[in-house]
Amino acid sequence: MWRNLFFIFISSQYFSFVISSSESTILINCDTLRMGQFLCPDPDYFNDLIDPKTQEIRGCTKEHLAKIRCIAVEGFICNESGNNTFYKETPCRWTNGYSFETTLLLSIFLGMFGIDRFYLGYPAIGLAKFCTMGFMFLGQLIDVILISMQVVTPADGSFYIIPYYGPRVDIIRSDNNTYRLSQDDW
């Protein structure tokens, strides 16, 4: 009885397309699964998921999305694949070969000549730094700080290649849709 009630609740509340092929399996559109009803990434697929050169998810695109293979919980069969595996888009950090360590070292030692900006794809700023000795070394100091804080990134919109336990920074931004929740009195 519990299984029938569970099936009625699931089919009426969450899923747009559900067909019961037997009492123990449910044929479902796996794009509509909720958290806890699938596991990403598939544990058998996990070793091939991370690119050892970039330390990021394989197949990451310029749109900062990658498709990874997931597995639905026991009892669900996906319409797309005919079994319990499916592909889900997940956010990722697209890299294009620019190393964080290389950029920082270039900025520290050769930043007065603009080599760091040439490396990142900003030739106009690099030429200006070259002609003015790094804006009298003040521009070099500012670039060292901005690059170490990962504010200045490559010109193509990619992220730096950073080792797995490296100094990765995620910048949190607020806009007009961000609001502050009031806190209870302590």
Protein backbone atom coordinates (compact mmCIF):
# COMPACT_ATOMS: atom_id res chain seq x y z
CA MET A 1 0.00 0.00 0.00
CA TRP A 2 2.84 2.43 0.86
CA ARG A 3 4.42 1.88 -2.55
CA ASN A 4 1.16 2.71 -4.35
CA LEU A 5 0.66 5.87 -2.29
CA PHE A 6 4.26 6.89 -2.97
CA PHE A 7 3.76 6.36 -6.71
CA ILE A 8 0.56 8.45 -6.74
CA PHE A 9 2.25 11.25 -4.80
CA ILE A 10 5.33 11.24 -7.04
CA SER A 11 3.36 11.15 -10.27
CA SER A 12 0.94 13.90 -9.30
CA GLN A 13 3.36 16.31 -7.65
CA TYR A 14 6.76 16.23 -9.33
CA PHE A 15 6.89 14.63 -12.72
CA SER A 16 5.40 15.69 -15.98
CA PHE A 17 5.62 12.25 -17.60
CA VAL A 18 5.45 9.07 -15.51
CA ILE A 19 4.50 5.58 -16.64
CA SER A 20 4.57 2.59 -14.35
CA SER A 21 5.96 -0.37 -16.26
CA SER A 22 5.80 -2.63 -13.20
CA GLU A 23 5.31 -2.18 -9.49
CA SER A 24 9.06 -1.86 -8.78
CA THR A 25 10.23 0.43 -11.64
CA ILE A 26 9.04 3.81 -12.89
CA LEU A 27 9.72 5.11 -16.40
CA ILE A 28 10.44 8.83 -16.05
CA ASN A 29 11.85 11.91 -17.74
CA CYS A 30 15.09 12.22 -15.73
CA ASP A 31 15.40 15.99 -16.30
CA THR A 32 12.64 16.42 -13.72
CA LEU A 33 14.30 14.44 -10.93
CA ARG A 34 14.75 16.33 -7.67
CA MET A 35 17.77 16.41 -5.40
CA GLY A 36 18.17 13.12 -3.58
CA GLN A 37 16.64 11.13 -6.43
CA PHE A 38 19.88 10.99 -8.42
CA LEU A 39 23.63 10.91 -7.81
CA CYS A 40 26.04 13.06 -9.81
CA PRO A 41 28.59 12.11 -10.93
CA ASP A 42 28.12 8.43 -11.47
CA PRO A 43 30.75 6.74 -9.21
CA ASP A 44 31.95 4.51 -12.08
CA TYR A 45 32.47 7.63 -14.20
CA PHE A 46 34.17 9.76 -11.52
CA ASN A 47 37.79 8.86 -12.40
CA ASP A 48 37.31 10.14 -15.97
CA LEU A 49 35.46 13.29 -14.88
CA ILE A 50 38.36 15.58 -13.89
CA ASP A 51 41.04 16.59 -16.40
CA PRO A 52 44.40 16.21 -14.59
CA LYS A 53 46.00 19.04 -16.59
CA THR A 54 43.41 21.72 -15.76
CA GLN A 55 41.90 20.26 -12.55
CA GLU A 56 38.44 21.05 -13.96
CA ILE A 57 35.55 19.00 -15.34
CA ARG A 58 36.21 17.56 -18.80
CA GLY A 59 34.13 19.04 -21.59
CA CYS A 60 33.59 22.45 -19.99
CA THR A 61 32.47 25.00 -22.61
CA LYS A 62 32.78 28.77 -22.90
CA GLU A 63 29.26 29.00 -21.48
CA HIS A 64 30.69 27.50 -18.23
CA LEU A 65 28.56 24.36 -18.50
CA ALA A 66 29.58 20.71 -18.72
CA LYS A 67 27.49 17.57 -19.17
CA ILE A 68 28.19 14.89 -16.59
CA ARG A 69 26.76 11.42 -16.32
CA CYS A 70 24.42 10.88 -13.38
CA ILE A 71 22.64 7.85 -12.01
CA ALA A 72 19.02 7.78 -10.83
CA VAL A 73 18.04 5.96 -7.65
CA GLU A 74 16.93 2.38 -7.84
CA GLY A 75 13.45 2.03 -9.27
CA PHE A 76 13.66 4.86 -11.84
CA ILE A 77 14.28 4.22 -15.53
CA CYS A 78 15.05 7.26 -17.72
CA ASN A 79 13.14 7.88 -20.95
CA GLU A 80 16.24 9.33 -22.60
CA SER A 81 18.58 6.37 -22.13
CA GLY A 82 16.36 3.39 -21.31
CA ASN A 83 18.31 2.68 -18.11
CA ASN A 84 19.02 4.56 -14.88
CA THR A 85 21.81 6.81 -16.25
CA PHE A 86 21.36 10.26 -17.80
CA TYR A 87 23.40 13.38 -18.55
CA LYS A 88 22.93 16.60 -16.58
CA GLU A 89 24.43 20.05 -17.21
CA THR A 90 26.47 21.40 -14.33
CA PRO A 91 28.35 24.68 -13.87
CA CYS A 92 32.11 24.56 -14.35
CA ARG A 93 35.15 26.81 -14.68
CA TRP A 94 36.32 26.97 -18.32
CA THR A 95 40.09 27.26 -18.66
CA ASN A 96 42.05 28.01 -21.80
CA GLY A 97 45.59 27.22 -20.71
CA TYR A 98 46.56 30.30 -18.68
CA SER A 99 48.42 29.26 -15.53
CA PHE A 100 47.90 31.27 -12.36
CA GLU A 101 51.47 30.66 -11.14
CA THR A 102 52.99 31.68 -14.48
CA THR A 103 50.92 34.87 -14.61
CA LEU A 104 51.82 35.84 -11.05
CA LEU A 105 55.54 35.20 -11.58
CA LEU A 106 55.51 37.19 -14.83
CA SER A 107 53.79 40.05 -13.03
CA ILE A 108 56.28 40.06 -10.14
CA PHE A 109 59.50 39.80 -12.17
CA LEU A 110 58.62 41.23 -15.62
CA GLY A 111 55.53 43.30 -14.87
CA MET A 112 57.40 46.58 -15.39
CA PHE A 113 57.74 45.59 -19.07
CA GLY A 114 54.06 44.58 -19.41
CA ILE A 115 54.84 40.93 -20.12
CA ASP A 116 52.07 39.81 -17.75
CA ARG A 117 49.45 41.78 -19.68
CA PHE A 118 50.76 40.51 -23.03
CA TYR A 119 50.53 36.94 -21.67
CA LEU A 120 46.91 37.46 -20.57
CA GLY A 121 45.88 38.95 -23.93
CA TYR A 122 45.82 42.68 -23.15
CA PRO A 123 48.36 44.07 -25.66
CA ALA A 124 47.39 47.76 -25.30
CA ILE A 125 47.92 47.81 -21.54
CA GLY A 126 51.08 45.74 -21.98
CA LEU A 127 52.48 48.27 -24.43
CA ALA A 128 51.58 51.16 -22.12
CA LYS A 129 53.34 49.43 -19.22
CA PHE A 130 56.37 48.74 -21.42
CA CYS A 131 56.67 52.40 -22.48
CA THR A 132 56.30 53.79 -18.95
CA MET A 133 58.27 51.13 -16.98
CA GLY A 134 55.10 49.74 -15.46
CA PHE A 135 53.62 53.20 -14.89
CA MET A 136 56.67 54.08 -12.75
CA PHE A 137 56.47 50.67 -11.01
CA LEU A 138 53.14 51.63 -9.40
CA GLY A 139 51.19 49.84 -12.16
CA GLN A 140 53.33 46.76 -11.63
CA LEU A 141 52.52 46.72 -7.91
CA ILE A 142 48.81 47.17 -8.60
CA ASP A 143 48.86 44.37 -11.19
CA VAL A 144 50.62 42.00 -8.76
CA ILE A 145 47.87 42.63 -6.22
CA LEU A 146 45.03 42.35 -8.76
CA ILE A 147 46.41 39.16 -10.32
CA SER A 148 47.03 37.53 -6.94
CA MET A 149 43.43 38.32 -5.96
CA GLN A 150 42.29 36.93 -9.35
CA VAL A 151 40.51 40.15 -10.29
CA VAL A 152 42.51 40.41 -13.54
CA THR A 153 41.80 37.27 -15.55
CA PRO A 154 42.62 36.26 -19.15
CA ALA A 155 41.07 38.43 -21.86
CA ASP A 156 39.16 35.54 -23.45
CA GLY A 157 36.91 35.14 -20.38
CA SER A 158 38.45 31.92 -19.15
CA PHE A 159 39.67 31.13 -15.66
CA TYR A 160 43.23 30.36 -14.58
CA ILE A 161 44.53 26.82 -14.32
CA ILE A 162 45.01 26.43 -10.58
CA PRO A 163 46.24 23.29 -8.81
CA TYR A 164 43.55 21.39 -6.92
CA TYR A 165 44.60 22.77 -3.54
CA GLY A 166 45.67 26.14 -4.94
CA PRO A 167 44.44 29.63 -4.09
CA ARG A 168 41.10 29.55 -5.90
CA VAL A 169 38.90 32.59 -5.33
CA ASP A 170 35.17 32.70 -6.03
CA ILE A 171 33.94 36.26 -6.31
CA ILE A 172 30.48 36.86 -4.90
CA ARG A 173 28.66 39.80 -6.42
CA SER A 174 25.43 41.49 -5.47
CA ASP A 175 22.97 43.28 -7.72
CA ASN A 176 19.47 44.72 -7.50
CA ASN A 177 17.99 41.26 -6.99
CA THR A 178 20.19 40.54 -3.97
CA TYR A 179 18.66 41.41 -0.64
CA ARG A 180 19.55 41.05 3.00
CA LEU A 181 17.43 38.79 5.18
CA SER A 182 16.55 40.15 8.57
CA GLN A 183 17.98 38.16 11.46
CA ASP A 184 16.18 37.12 14.58
CA ASP A 185 17.08 38.96 17.75
CA TRP A 186 19.85 37.13 19.54
